[in-house]
Amino acid sequence: MKYCSSCGSPVVYKVPEGDNRSRHVCDNCGTIHYSNPKVVVGSIPIWENRILLCKRAIEPRKGFWTLPAGFLENRETVEEGAIRETKEEANADISIIGLQSVYSIPHISQIYMFFLADLVDGKFSISSESEEVQLFSEEEIPWDQLAFTSVYFALKKYVDAPVKNSLHLGNIRDRKTPPKES
């Protein structure tokens, strides 16, 4: 950041009085410009005991499987974001059951929230963001072709949980290397 979005003056990077972290500060108008993590929301859509996954048609990780998810928009609840992302990526309507996992990736300042959801009518299709959309049984999940650590975490916790609607917390710092599939 070079200029203040409030007054247009140059900003400096320093620790503001009473704070403990460096921030972009405008010495002209006094505005402190905070930079906070991005929230990514998504769903684990279930239809007849199978999980809906999308093969990415866009970067990053084009050609790899993922859960429908994306960045939360301003003025949107996390549930609304998960519903919208599922519609955008899989042309699917869902009904949220509850929050399933929260996964933090501090080095890129992102927080992932996945909601367990029912696929409303079993209908889904490809989109501009997904080159393929498919239902998988737990045994069919393509573990070695998953796009993101957060997706691996959410799916693994879902599959391994004796109670499917339990909440799981994790982060990339505690990540264990996924097992190699034969």
N, C-alpha and C. Protein backbone atom coordinates (compact mmCIF):
# COMPACT_ATOMS: atom_id res chain seq x y z
N MET A 1 0.84 -1.18 0.00
CA MET A 1 0.00 0.00 0.00
C MET A 1 0.89 1.24 0.00
N LYS A 2 0.60 2.15 -0.89
CA LYS A 2 1.41 3.37 -0.98
C LYS A 2 0.65 4.62 -0.57
N TYR A 3 -0.67 4.63 -0.80
CA TYR A 3 -1.45 5.83 -0.55
C TYR A 3 -2.68 5.53 0.29
N CYS A 4 -3.07 6.48 1.08
CA CYS A 4 -4.24 6.36 1.95
C CYS A 4 -5.51 6.35 1.12
N SER A 5 -6.37 5.39 1.37
CA SER A 5 -7.65 5.32 0.65
C SER A 5 -8.65 6.35 1.18
N SER A 6 -8.35 6.98 2.30
CA SER A 6 -9.24 8.01 2.85
C SER A 6 -8.94 9.40 2.30
N CYS A 7 -7.62 9.76 2.22
CA CYS A 7 -7.28 11.13 1.80
C CYS A 7 -6.30 11.19 0.63
N GLY A 8 -5.72 10.08 0.24
CA GLY A 8 -4.81 10.05 -0.91
C GLY A 8 -3.36 10.37 -0.59
N SER A 9 -3.04 10.67 0.64
CA SER A 9 -1.66 10.98 1.03
C SER A 9 -0.82 9.71 1.11
N PRO A 10 0.50 9.84 1.00
CA PRO A 10 1.36 8.66 1.18
C PRO A 10 1.21 8.08 2.59
N VAL A 11 1.34 6.76 2.71
CA VAL A 11 1.28 6.10 4.01
C VAL A 11 2.68 5.62 4.39
N VAL A 12 2.85 5.41 5.68
CA VAL A 12 4.10 4.83 6.20
C VAL A 12 3.74 3.52 6.90
N TYR A 13 4.72 2.62 6.97
CA TYR A 13 4.52 1.33 7.61
C TYR A 13 5.19 1.39 8.97
N LYS A 14 4.38 1.40 10.02
CA LYS A 14 4.92 1.55 11.37
C LYS A 14 3.94 0.96 12.37
N VAL A 15 4.39 0.86 13.62
CA VAL A 15 3.53 0.40 14.70
C VAL A 15 2.78 1.62 15.23
N PRO A 16 1.46 1.66 15.07
CA PRO A 16 0.68 2.80 15.59
C PRO A 16 0.72 2.83 17.11
N GLU A 17 0.55 4.00 17.66
CA GLU A 17 0.53 4.15 19.11
C GLU A 17 -0.56 3.26 19.71
N GLY A 18 -0.21 2.50 20.74
CA GLY A 18 -1.15 1.62 21.40
C GLY A 18 -1.34 0.27 20.73
N ASP A 19 -0.61 0.03 19.64
CA ASP A 19 -0.72 -1.24 18.92
C ASP A 19 0.56 -2.04 19.14
N ASN A 20 0.60 -3.26 18.62
CA ASN A 20 1.80 -4.08 18.75
C ASN A 20 2.26 -4.67 17.42
N ARG A 21 1.66 -4.23 16.31
CA ARG A 21 2.01 -4.72 14.98
C ARG A 21 2.17 -3.55 14.03
N SER A 22 3.04 -3.74 13.05
CA SER A 22 3.20 -2.72 12.02
C SER A 22 1.97 -2.69 11.13
N ARG A 23 1.57 -1.49 10.76
CA ARG A 23 0.41 -1.26 9.91
C ARG A 23 0.73 -0.11 8.96
N HIS A 24 -0.03 -0.03 7.87
CA HIS A 24 0.06 1.14 7.01
C HIS A 24 -0.72 2.26 7.69
N VAL A 25 -0.06 3.40 7.93
CA VAL A 25 -0.65 4.51 8.66
C VAL A 25 -0.50 5.78 7.83
N CYS A 26 -1.56 6.56 7.77
CA CYS A 26 -1.51 7.85 7.10
C CYS A 26 -1.19 8.91 8.15
N ASP A 27 -0.03 9.54 8.02
CA ASP A 27 0.35 10.60 8.96
C ASP A 27 -0.44 11.87 8.72
N ASN A 28 -1.07 12.00 7.55
CA ASN A 28 -1.86 13.20 7.24
C ASN A 28 -3.21 13.19 7.95
N CYS A 29 -4.00 12.10 7.76
CA CYS A 29 -5.35 12.07 8.35
C CYS A 29 -5.46 11.13 9.54
N GLY A 30 -4.41 10.35 9.81
CA GLY A 30 -4.40 9.48 10.98
C GLY A 30 -5.04 8.12 10.78
N THR A 31 -5.51 7.82 9.56
CA THR A 31 -6.16 6.54 9.30
C THR A 31 -5.15 5.40 9.42
N ILE A 32 -5.54 4.38 10.15
CA ILE A 32 -4.74 3.15 10.25
C ILE A 32 -5.41 2.14 9.32
N HIS A 33 -4.65 1.61 8.38
CA HIS A 33 -5.18 0.66 7.40
C HIS A 33 -4.85 -0.76 7.85
N TYR A 34 -5.87 -1.44 8.37
CA TYR A 34 -5.70 -2.80 8.86
C TYR A 34 -5.80 -3.79 7.71
N SER A 35 -5.00 -4.82 7.76
CA SER A 35 -5.06 -5.90 6.79
C SER A 35 -5.40 -7.17 7.55
N ASN A 36 -6.53 -7.78 7.23
CA ASN A 36 -7.01 -8.94 7.97
C ASN A 36 -7.13 -10.16 7.06
N PRO A 37 -7.21 -11.35 7.67
CA PRO A 37 -7.29 -12.57 6.86
C PRO A 37 -8.54 -12.62 5.97
N LYS A 38 -8.42 -13.37 4.90
CA LYS A 38 -9.55 -13.63 4.00
C LYS A 38 -10.27 -14.88 4.49
N VAL A 39 -11.58 -14.86 4.40
CA VAL A 39 -12.40 -16.01 4.80
C VAL A 39 -12.87 -16.73 3.53
N VAL A 40 -12.62 -18.03 3.50
CA VAL A 40 -13.08 -18.88 2.41
C VAL A 40 -14.17 -19.78 2.97
N VAL A 41 -15.30 -19.83 2.27
CA VAL A 41 -16.43 -20.65 2.73
C VAL A 41 -16.80 -21.67 1.66
N GLY A 42 -17.24 -22.82 2.13
CA GLY A 42 -17.62 -23.87 1.19
C GLY A 42 -18.50 -24.89 1.85
N SER A 43 -18.80 -25.94 1.09
CA SER A 43 -19.71 -26.96 1.60
C SER A 43 -19.18 -28.36 1.30
N ILE A 44 -19.71 -29.29 2.07
CA ILE A 44 -19.56 -30.71 1.81
C ILE A 44 -20.97 -31.19 1.47
N PRO A 45 -21.33 -31.10 0.19
CA PRO A 45 -22.70 -31.47 -0.20
C PRO A 45 -22.86 -32.99 -0.25
N ILE A 46 -23.91 -33.48 0.40
CA ILE A 46 -24.16 -34.92 0.48
C ILE A 46 -25.46 -35.26 -0.23
N TRP A 47 -25.40 -36.32 -1.05
CA TRP A 47 -26.59 -36.86 -1.71
C TRP A 47 -26.51 -38.37 -1.65
N GLU A 48 -27.47 -38.99 -1.00
CA GLU A 48 -27.52 -40.44 -0.87
C GLU A 48 -26.19 -41.02 -0.40
N ASN A 49 -25.66 -40.45 0.67
CA ASN A 49 -24.40 -40.89 1.30
C ASN A 49 -23.17 -40.72 0.41
N ARG A 50 -23.27 -39.89 -0.62
CA ARG A 50 -22.12 -39.59 -1.46
C ARG A 50 -21.81 -38.10 -1.40
N ILE A 51 -20.56 -37.76 -1.62
CA ILE A 51 -20.06 -36.39 -1.49
C ILE A 51 -19.85 -35.79 -2.88
N LEU A 52 -20.33 -34.56 -3.06
CA LEU A 52 -20.17 -33.87 -4.34
C LEU A 52 -18.83 -33.15 -4.38
N LEU A 53 -18.00 -33.50 -5.37
CA LEU A 53 -16.71 -32.84 -5.58
C LEU A 53 -16.68 -32.21 -6.96
N CYS A 54 -15.86 -31.18 -7.08
CA CYS A 54 -15.70 -30.45 -8.35
C CYS A 54 -14.24 -30.53 -8.80
N LYS A 55 -14.02 -30.83 -10.08
CA LYS A 55 -12.68 -30.79 -10.64
C LYS A 55 -12.46 -29.37 -11.18
N ARG A 56 -11.44 -28.71 -10.67
CA ARG A 56 -11.22 -27.29 -10.97
C ARG A 56 -10.90 -27.05 -12.44
N ALA A 57 -11.60 -26.06 -13.01
CA ALA A 57 -11.36 -25.64 -14.40
C ALA A 57 -10.51 -24.38 -14.44
N ILE A 58 -10.14 -23.88 -13.26
CA ILE A 58 -9.37 -22.64 -13.17
C ILE A 58 -8.19 -22.82 -12.21
N GLU A 59 -7.21 -21.96 -12.34
CA GLU A 59 -6.09 -21.93 -11.39
C GLU A 59 -6.54 -21.19 -10.14
N PRO A 60 -5.97 -21.46 -9.00
CA PRO A 60 -4.89 -22.42 -8.79
C PRO A 60 -5.40 -23.86 -8.74
N ARG A 61 -4.48 -24.78 -9.02
CA ARG A 61 -4.72 -26.23 -8.94
C ARG A 61 -5.76 -26.72 -9.94
N LYS A 62 -5.72 -26.16 -11.14
CA LYS A 62 -6.60 -26.60 -12.22
C LYS A 62 -6.42 -28.10 -12.44
N GLY A 63 -7.55 -28.82 -12.63
CA GLY A 63 -7.50 -30.25 -12.88
C GLY A 63 -7.51 -31.12 -11.63
N PHE A 64 -7.52 -30.48 -10.45
CA PHE A 64 -7.58 -31.23 -9.19
C PHE A 64 -8.98 -31.09 -8.59
N TRP A 65 -9.33 -32.06 -7.75
CA TRP A 65 -10.66 -32.11 -7.14
C TRP A 65 -10.72 -31.24 -5.89
N THR A 66 -11.89 -30.66 -5.68
CA THR A 66 -12.10 -29.82 -4.51
C THR A 66 -13.55 -29.86 -4.08
N LEU A 67 -13.81 -29.36 -2.92
CA LEU A 67 -15.18 -29.08 -2.49
C LEU A 67 -15.57 -27.72 -3.05
N PRO A 68 -16.84 -27.47 -3.31
CA PRO A 68 -17.23 -26.14 -3.77
C PRO A 68 -16.97 -25.11 -2.67
N ALA A 69 -16.14 -24.12 -2.98
CA ALA A 69 -15.76 -23.12 -1.98
C ALA A 69 -15.17 -21.90 -2.67
N GLY A 70 -15.15 -20.80 -1.95
CA GLY A 70 -14.55 -19.57 -2.46
C GLY A 70 -14.59 -18.48 -1.41
N PHE A 71 -14.08 -17.32 -1.77
CA PHE A 71 -13.99 -16.21 -0.84
C PHE A 71 -15.37 -15.66 -0.48
N LEU A 72 -15.53 -15.39 0.80
CA LEU A 72 -16.74 -14.76 1.30
C LEU A 72 -16.81 -13.34 0.76
N GLU A 73 -17.98 -12.92 0.34
CA GLU A 73 -18.20 -11.57 -0.17
C GLU A 73 -18.64 -10.64 0.96
N ASN A 74 -18.41 -9.35 0.79
CA ASN A 74 -18.89 -8.36 1.75
C ASN A 74 -20.41 -8.46 1.87
N ARG A 75 -20.91 -8.22 3.07
CA ARG A 75 -22.34 -8.19 3.38
C ARG A 75 -23.02 -9.56 3.19
N GLU A 76 -22.26 -10.62 3.29
CA GLU A 76 -22.77 -11.97 3.10
C GLU A 76 -22.50 -12.77 4.37
N THR A 77 -23.46 -13.58 4.83
CA THR A 77 -23.18 -14.46 5.96
C THR A 77 -22.33 -15.63 5.45
N VAL A 78 -21.68 -16.32 6.37
CA VAL A 78 -20.86 -17.46 5.95
C VAL A 78 -21.71 -18.54 5.31
N GLU A 79 -22.92 -18.73 5.81
CA GLU A 79 -23.83 -19.72 5.23
C GLU A 79 -24.25 -19.31 3.81
N GLU A 80 -24.59 -18.04 3.64
CA GLU A 80 -24.96 -17.55 2.31
C GLU A 80 -23.81 -17.71 1.33
N GLY A 81 -22.59 -17.47 1.79
CA GLY A 81 -21.42 -17.63 0.93
C GLY A 81 -21.23 -19.07 0.49
N ALA A 82 -21.40 -20.00 1.41
CA ALA A 82 -21.25 -21.42 1.09
C ALA A 82 -22.32 -21.86 0.08
N ILE A 83 -23.53 -21.38 0.27
CA ILE A 83 -24.63 -21.71 -0.65
C ILE A 83 -24.33 -21.12 -2.03
N ARG A 84 -23.89 -19.86 -2.08
CA ARG A 84 -23.57 -19.21 -3.36
C ARG A 84 -22.43 -19.92 -4.08
N GLU A 85 -21.37 -20.24 -3.36
CA GLU A 85 -20.21 -20.91 -3.98
C GLU A 85 -20.59 -22.28 -4.54
N THR A 86 -21.45 -23.01 -3.84
CA THR A 86 -21.88 -24.31 -4.32
C THR A 86 -22.70 -24.15 -5.61
N LYS A 87 -23.52 -23.12 -5.65
CA LYS A 87 -24.30 -22.84 -6.86
C LYS A 87 -23.37 -22.44 -8.01
N GLU A 88 -22.38 -21.57 -7.74
CA GLU A 88 -21.46 -21.09 -8.78
C GLU A 88 -20.59 -22.21 -9.34
N GLU A 89 -20.10 -23.08 -8.47
CA GLU A 89 -19.13 -24.09 -8.90
C GLU A 89 -19.76 -25.40 -9.37
N ALA A 90 -20.96 -25.72 -8.85
CA ALA A 90 -21.56 -27.01 -9.18
C ALA A 90 -23.00 -26.90 -9.67
N ASN A 91 -23.50 -25.69 -9.83
CA ASN A 91 -24.91 -25.51 -10.22
C ASN A 91 -25.83 -26.35 -9.35
N ALA A 92 -25.54 -26.38 -8.06
CA ALA A 92 -26.27 -27.23 -7.12
C ALA A 92 -26.86 -26.39 -5.99
N ASP A 93 -28.04 -26.78 -5.57
CA ASP A 93 -28.69 -26.14 -4.43
C ASP A 93 -28.47 -27.01 -3.20
N ILE A 94 -28.13 -26.36 -2.09
CA ILE A 94 -27.88 -27.09 -0.85
C ILE A 94 -28.70 -26.51 0.29
N SER A 95 -28.84 -27.34 1.31
CA SER A 95 -29.45 -26.94 2.57
C SER A 95 -28.39 -27.17 3.65
N ILE A 96 -27.97 -26.12 4.32
CA ILE A 96 -26.91 -26.20 5.33
C ILE A 96 -27.40 -26.99 6.54
N ILE A 97 -26.58 -27.95 6.98
CA ILE A 97 -26.85 -28.71 8.20
C ILE A 97 -26.13 -28.04 9.37
N GLY A 98 -24.85 -27.72 9.17
CA GLY A 98 -24.08 -27.07 10.23
C GLY A 98 -22.62 -26.95 9.84
N LEU A 99 -21.90 -26.19 10.63
CA LEU A 99 -20.47 -25.99 10.41
C LEU A 99 -19.73 -27.29 10.68
N GLN A 100 -18.89 -27.71 9.73
CA GLN A 100 -18.19 -29.00 9.85
C GLN A 100 -16.72 -28.81 10.21
N SER A 101 -16.05 -27.81 9.61
CA SER A 101 -14.64 -27.61 9.92
C SER A 101 -14.22 -26.16 9.72
N VAL A 102 -13.23 -25.79 10.51
CA VAL A 102 -12.56 -24.49 10.37
C VAL A 102 -11.08 -24.81 10.27
N TYR A 103 -10.44 -24.32 9.22
CA TYR A 103 -9.04 -24.64 8.95
C TYR A 103 -8.28 -23.35 8.68
N SER A 104 -7.24 -23.09 9.44
CA SER A 104 -6.46 -21.85 9.31
C SER A 104 -5.16 -22.08 8.54
N ILE A 105 -4.87 -21.15 7.63
CA ILE A 105 -3.60 -21.17 6.90
C ILE A 105 -2.96 -19.80 7.10
N PRO A 106 -2.23 -19.62 8.22
CA PRO A 106 -1.72 -18.30 8.59
C PRO A 106 -0.72 -17.70 7.59
N HIS A 107 0.09 -18.52 6.95
CA HIS A 107 1.13 -17.94 6.08
C HIS A 107 0.56 -17.28 4.83
N ILE A 108 -0.70 -17.57 4.48
CA ILE A 108 -1.35 -16.85 3.38
C ILE A 108 -2.59 -16.10 3.89
N SER A 109 -2.72 -16.01 5.21
CA SER A 109 -3.78 -15.24 5.86
C SER A 109 -5.18 -15.64 5.37
N GLN A 110 -5.46 -16.95 5.41
CA GLN A 110 -6.77 -17.44 5.01
C GLN A 110 -7.36 -18.35 6.09
N ILE A 111 -8.67 -18.27 6.24
CA ILE A 111 -9.43 -19.13 7.14
C ILE A 111 -10.51 -19.80 6.32
N TYR A 112 -10.56 -21.13 6.36
CA TYR A 112 -11.53 -21.91 5.60
C TYR A 112 -12.62 -22.41 6.53
N MET A 113 -13.87 -22.24 6.11
CA MET A 113 -15.02 -22.74 6.86
C MET A 113 -15.85 -23.61 5.91
N PHE A 114 -15.96 -24.90 6.24
CA PHE A 114 -16.76 -25.82 5.44
C PHE A 114 -18.01 -26.23 6.21
N PHE A 115 -19.15 -26.18 5.52
CA PHE A 115 -20.43 -26.55 6.10
C PHE A 115 -20.89 -27.88 5.54
N LEU A 116 -21.35 -28.76 6.42
CA LEU A 116 -22.00 -29.98 5.99
C LEU A 116 -23.36 -29.57 5.44
N ALA A 117 -23.73 -30.13 4.28
CA ALA A 117 -24.98 -29.71 3.64
C ALA A 117 -25.62 -30.87 2.89
N ASP A 118 -26.93 -30.82 2.80
CA ASP A 118 -27.67 -31.75 1.97
C ASP A 118 -27.80 -31.16 0.58
N LEU A 119 -27.54 -31.97 -0.44
CA LEU A 119 -27.82 -31.58 -1.82
C LEU A 119 -29.34 -31.66 -1.96
N VAL A 120 -29.99 -30.54 -2.28
CA VAL A 120 -31.45 -30.45 -2.20
C VAL A 120 -32.17 -31.43 -3.11
N ASP A 121 -31.81 -31.49 -4.39
CA ASP A 121 -32.57 -32.31 -5.33
C ASP A 121 -31.70 -33.30 -6.12
N GLY A 122 -30.43 -33.39 -5.75
CA GLY A 122 -29.54 -34.32 -6.45
C GLY A 122 -29.05 -33.81 -7.79
N LYS A 123 -29.41 -32.58 -8.14
CA LYS A 123 -29.01 -32.04 -9.44
C LYS A 123 -27.74 -31.20 -9.30
N PHE A 124 -26.84 -31.34 -10.27
CA PHE A 124 -25.60 -30.57 -10.33
C PHE A 124 -25.06 -30.66 -11.75
N SER A 125 -24.16 -29.76 -12.08
CA SER A 125 -23.54 -29.79 -13.42
C SER A 125 -22.26 -28.96 -13.41
N ILE A 126 -21.51 -29.07 -14.50
CA ILE A 126 -20.27 -28.32 -14.63
C ILE A 126 -20.58 -26.82 -14.70
N SER A 127 -19.53 -26.03 -14.50
CA SER A 127 -19.66 -24.57 -14.56
C SER A 127 -18.38 -23.99 -15.15
N SER A 128 -18.30 -22.70 -15.22
CA SER A 128 -17.08 -22.07 -15.72
C SER A 128 -15.90 -22.31 -14.78
N GLU A 129 -16.18 -22.68 -13.54
CA GLU A 129 -15.12 -22.92 -12.56
C GLU A 129 -14.80 -24.41 -12.37
N SER A 130 -15.68 -25.29 -12.86
CA SER A 130 -15.51 -26.73 -12.65
C SER A 130 -15.67 -27.48 -13.97
N GLU A 131 -14.62 -28.20 -14.37
CA GLU A 131 -14.68 -28.95 -15.63
C GLU A 131 -15.39 -30.29 -15.48
N GLU A 132 -15.54 -30.73 -14.24
CA GLU A 132 -16.25 -31.97 -13.95
C GLU A 132 -16.82 -31.86 -12.54
N VAL A 133 -18.01 -32.40 -12.34
CA VAL A 133 -18.65 -32.42 -11.03
C VAL A 133 -19.20 -33.83 -10.85
N GLN A 134 -18.89 -34.44 -9.70
CA GLN A 134 -19.22 -35.86 -9.54
C GLN A 134 -19.48 -36.19 -8.08
N LEU A 135 -20.37 -37.16 -7.86
CA LEU A 135 -20.62 -37.69 -6.53
C LEU A 135 -19.66 -38.85 -6.27
N PHE A 136 -19.09 -38.88 -5.06
CA PHE A 136 -18.15 -39.93 -4.67
C PHE A 136 -18.61 -40.56 -3.36
N SER A 137 -18.53 -41.88 -3.29
CA SER A 137 -18.70 -42.53 -2.00
C SER A 137 -17.43 -42.24 -1.20
N GLU A 138 -17.47 -42.49 0.09
CA GLU A 138 -16.28 -42.24 0.92
C GLU A 138 -15.09 -43.05 0.41
N GLU A 139 -15.33 -44.25 -0.08
CA GLU A 139 -14.25 -45.11 -0.56
C GLU A 139 -13.68 -44.64 -1.90
N GLU A 140 -14.43 -43.86 -2.65
CA GLU A 140 -14.02 -43.42 -3.99
C GLU A 140 -13.32 -42.05 -4.02
N ILE A 141 -13.24 -41.37 -2.88
CA ILE A 141 -12.65 -40.03 -2.87
C ILE A 141 -11.23 -40.09 -3.43
N PRO A 142 -10.89 -39.24 -4.40
CA PRO A 142 -9.55 -39.25 -5.01
C PRO A 142 -8.54 -38.48 -4.14
N TRP A 143 -8.15 -39.08 -3.03
CA TRP A 143 -7.31 -38.42 -2.02
C TRP A 143 -6.04 -37.82 -2.62
N ASP A 144 -5.41 -38.52 -3.52
CA ASP A 144 -4.14 -38.04 -4.09
C ASP A 144 -4.35 -37.00 -5.19
N GLN A 145 -5.58 -36.66 -5.49
CA GLN A 145 -5.89 -35.66 -6.51
C GLN A 145 -6.67 -34.48 -5.95
N LEU A 146 -6.62 -34.29 -4.61
CA LEU A 146 -7.31 -33.16 -4.01
C LEU A 146 -6.48 -31.90 -4.15
N ALA A 147 -7.15 -30.79 -4.41
CA ALA A 147 -6.49 -29.53 -4.73
C ALA A 147 -5.82 -28.86 -3.54
N PHE A 148 -6.44 -28.93 -2.37
CA PHE A 148 -5.97 -28.10 -1.25
C PHE A 148 -5.94 -28.87 0.06
N THR A 149 -5.01 -28.49 0.93
CA THR A 149 -4.89 -29.09 2.26
C THR A 149 -6.18 -28.92 3.06
N SER A 150 -6.82 -27.77 2.93
CA SER A 150 -8.05 -27.52 3.67
C SER A 150 -9.15 -28.50 3.27
N VAL A 151 -9.21 -28.84 1.99
CA VAL A 151 -10.21 -29.80 1.49
C VAL A 151 -9.88 -31.20 2.01
N TYR A 152 -8.61 -31.57 1.97
CA TYR A 152 -8.18 -32.86 2.51
C TYR A 152 -8.59 -32.96 3.97
N PHE A 153 -8.31 -31.91 4.75
CA PHE A 153 -8.64 -31.90 6.18
C PHE A 153 -10.14 -32.10 6.39
N ALA A 154 -10.96 -31.29 5.71
CA ALA A 154 -12.41 -31.36 5.90
C ALA A 154 -12.96 -32.74 5.51
N LEU A 155 -12.52 -33.26 4.38
CA LEU A 155 -13.00 -34.57 3.94
C LEU A 155 -12.54 -35.69 4.86
N LYS A 156 -11.29 -35.64 5.28
CA LYS A 156 -10.75 -36.69 6.16
C LYS A 156 -11.50 -36.69 7.49
N LYS A 157 -11.73 -35.51 8.04
CA LYS A 157 -12.47 -35.42 9.30
C LYS A 157 -13.91 -35.91 9.13
N TYR A 158 -14.52 -35.60 8.00
CA TYR A 158 -15.88 -36.07 7.74
C TYR A 158 -15.92 -37.59 7.65
N VAL A 159 -15.03 -38.15 6.87
CA VAL A 159 -15.01 -39.60 6.66
C VAL A 159 -14.70 -40.34 7.96
N ASP A 160 -13.75 -39.84 8.74
CA ASP A 160 -13.30 -40.52 9.95
C ASP A 160 -14.20 -40.30 11.17
N ALA A 161 -15.08 -39.30 11.12
CA ALA A 161 -15.89 -38.95 12.30
C ALA A 161 -17.03 -39.95 12.50
N PRO A 162 -17.18 -40.46 13.72
CA PRO A 162 -18.31 -41.34 13.99
C PRO A 162 -19.64 -40.58 13.96
N VAL A 163 -19.61 -39.30 14.32
CA VAL A 163 -20.78 -38.42 14.24
C VAL A 163 -20.51 -37.43 13.11
N LYS A 164 -21.27 -37.51 12.03
CA LYS A 164 -20.97 -36.74 10.82
C LYS A 164 -21.14 -35.23 10.96
N ASN A 165 -21.95 -34.77 11.91
CA ASN A 165 -22.14 -33.33 12.02
C ASN A 165 -21.34 -32.72 13.17
N SER A 166 -20.19 -33.30 13.50
CA SER A 166 -19.34 -32.74 14.54
C SER A 166 -18.40 -31.70 13.93
N LEU A 167 -17.94 -30.76 14.75
CA LEU A 167 -17.08 -29.68 14.31
C LEU A 167 -15.61 -30.04 14.52
N HIS A 168 -14.77 -29.71 13.54
CA HIS A 168 -13.34 -30.01 13.60
C HIS A 168 -12.54 -28.74 13.35
N LEU A 169 -11.52 -28.51 14.17
CA LEU A 169 -10.64 -27.37 14.00
C LEU A 169 -9.25 -27.86 13.61
N GLY A 170 -8.59 -27.16 12.69
CA GLY A 170 -7.26 -27.54 12.28
C GLY A 170 -6.53 -26.38 11.65
N ASN A 171 -5.24 -26.60 11.41
CA ASN A 171 -4.43 -25.58 10.75
C ASN A 171 -3.27 -26.24 10.05
N ILE A 172 -2.69 -25.52 9.11
CA ILE A 172 -1.61 -26.08 8.31
C ILE A 172 -0.35 -26.34 9.14
N ARG A 173 -0.19 -25.64 10.24
CA ARG A 173 0.98 -25.86 11.10
C ARG A 173 0.97 -27.24 11.73
N ASP A 174 -0.23 -27.78 11.96
CA ASP A 174 -0.37 -29.12 12.55
C ASP A 174 -0.53 -30.20 11.47
N ARG A 175 -0.39 -29.82 10.20
CA ARG A 175 -0.66 -30.72 9.09
C ARG A 175 0.24 -31.95 9.15
N LYS A 176 -0.37 -33.06 8.87
CA LYS A 176 0.35 -34.32 8.68
C LYS A 176 0.36 -34.59 7.18
N THR A 177 1.45 -35.09 6.67
CA THR A 177 1.51 -35.40 5.24
C THR A 177 0.46 -36.43 4.91
N PRO A 178 -0.37 -36.16 3.90
CA PRO A 178 -1.40 -37.15 3.52
C PRO A 178 -0.76 -38.47 3.12
N PRO A 179 -1.39 -39.58 3.44
CA PRO A 179 -0.84 -40.88 3.04
C PRO A 179 -0.83 -41.04 1.52
N LYS A 180 0.15 -41.74 1.03
CA LYS A 180 0.23 -42.01 -0.41
C LYS A 180 -0.78 -43.10 -0.74
N GLU A 181 -1.52 -42.87 -1.81
CA GLU A 181 -2.49 -43.86 -2.25
C GLU A 181 -1.81 -44.83 -3.23
N SER A 182 -2.15 -46.10 -3.11
CA SER A 182 -1.53 -47.08 -4.02
C SER A 182 -2.35 -47.27 -5.27
